[in-house]
Each structure stands twice: as C-alpha cells, then as structure tokens.
Protein backbone atom coordinates (compact mmCIF):
# COMPACT_ATOMS: atom_id res chain seq x y z
CA MET A 1 -0.06 0.05 -0.10
CA LYS A 2 2.86 2.22 0.72
CA PRO A 3 4.54 2.08 -2.79
CA LEU A 4 1.00 2.93 -4.38
CA ARG A 5 0.65 6.10 -2.25
CA LEU A 6 4.16 7.13 -3.23
CA ILE A 7 3.30 6.70 -6.86
CA ALA A 8 0.10 8.59 -6.60
CA ALA A 9 1.84 11.28 -4.90
CA ALA A 10 4.40 11.62 -7.46
CA ALA A 11 1.82 11.44 -10.34
CA LEU A 12 -0.64 13.98 -8.90
CA PRO A 13 1.66 17.09 -9.68
CA LEU A 14 2.33 15.74 -13.18
CA LEU A 15 -1.48 15.35 -13.80
CA LEU A 16 -2.32 18.99 -12.52
CA ALA A 17 0.53 20.68 -14.09
CA GLY A 18 -1.39 21.71 -17.30
CA CYS A 19 -4.54 22.40 -15.87
CA LEU A 20 -4.23 26.05 -15.30
CA GLU A 21 -2.68 26.89 -18.45
CA VAL A 22 -3.89 30.24 -19.96
CA ASP A 23 -3.54 31.33 -23.57
CA GLN A 24 -0.65 33.70 -23.62
CA HIS A 25 -1.32 34.83 -27.35
CA PRO A 26 -3.73 37.68 -28.36
CA ALA A 27 -6.78 36.87 -30.50
CA TRP A 28 -6.27 37.68 -34.26
CA LEU A 29 -9.18 38.21 -36.50
CA LYS A 30 -8.94 38.47 -40.39
CA GLY A 31 -5.06 38.79 -39.95
CA GLU A 32 -5.34 41.78 -37.56
CA TYR A 33 -4.99 41.98 -33.72
CA ALA A 34 -8.61 42.02 -31.94
CA GLY A 35 -8.01 44.62 -29.33
CA LYS A 36 -7.22 48.13 -28.70
CA GLU A 37 -4.12 49.77 -29.84
CA ASP A 38 -1.84 50.85 -26.89
CA PRO A 39 -1.27 54.43 -26.67
CA ARG A 40 2.35 55.88 -26.52
CA PRO A 41 3.57 57.71 -23.61
CA TYR A 42 3.93 60.94 -25.07
CA GLN A 43 0.22 60.41 -26.43
CA THR A 44 -1.36 60.26 -22.92
CA ARG A 45 0.83 62.37 -20.61
CA PHE A 46 2.35 64.99 -23.21
CA HIS A 47 -0.67 65.62 -25.33
CA ASN A 48 0.72 63.78 -28.33
CA ASP A 49 3.85 66.17 -28.18
CA ARG A 50 6.67 63.89 -28.64
CA LEU A 51 9.58 66.65 -28.23
CA ALA A 52 8.38 67.53 -24.87
CA TRP A 53 8.33 63.77 -24.12
CA TRP A 54 11.80 63.51 -25.24
CA ALA A 55 12.98 66.42 -23.38
CA ALA A 56 11.45 65.30 -20.10
CA MET A 57 13.20 61.73 -20.54
CA GLU A 58 16.54 63.52 -21.35
CA ASN A 59 16.07 65.71 -18.22
CA ARG A 60 15.26 62.57 -16.00
CA ASN A 61 18.32 60.71 -17.39
CA MET A 62 20.79 63.65 -16.87
CA LYS A 63 19.64 63.94 -13.27
CA GLN A 64 20.21 60.16 -12.68
CA ASN A 65 23.88 60.27 -14.13
CA GLU A 66 26.14 60.33 -11.06
CA TYR A 67 28.82 62.40 -12.99
CA ASN A 68 26.42 65.13 -13.52
CA ARG A 69 25.39 65.13 -10.10
CA ALA A 70 28.63 65.04 -8.32
CA ASN A 71 30.38 67.86 -10.08
CA PRO A 72 28.49 71.03 -9.55
C-alpha cells in the first residue's frame, strides 16, 4: 500500500501541471490584432507632443547620471 501512495503522490503534480494553462497569445481576427491599440507615453501624458516627452526623458536621465550630479 505504501508504494501505491508514493506513486500516486508523484503522479498528482504531473497530472495537475497543465490544468491552469492560460492562452498567452492575443486573439487575431482576419489577420489583425483584435484589441485596442496601446497609446504611446507621449500621447497620454504630453498631449501627443513627442518633443516635450523626449525633453522630459533626457532631463530625467541627466539627473540620474552620477557624473553630472557629483560635479557642480
């Protein structure tokens, strides 16, 4: 009886391994993605002004640079 329990305990994770598998790919209809398009960061926060977004990113990067911060 002991070996049967051991085999059942070893087989249970193998049987349940694929039960909760979720589809990882988006749905495609007629060759196109069937969902809404994701907006770009400059479209939502900078009112579609790409240059303002780029300037904010460059400014943030300059403030995170240790060489620029250490030398006044």
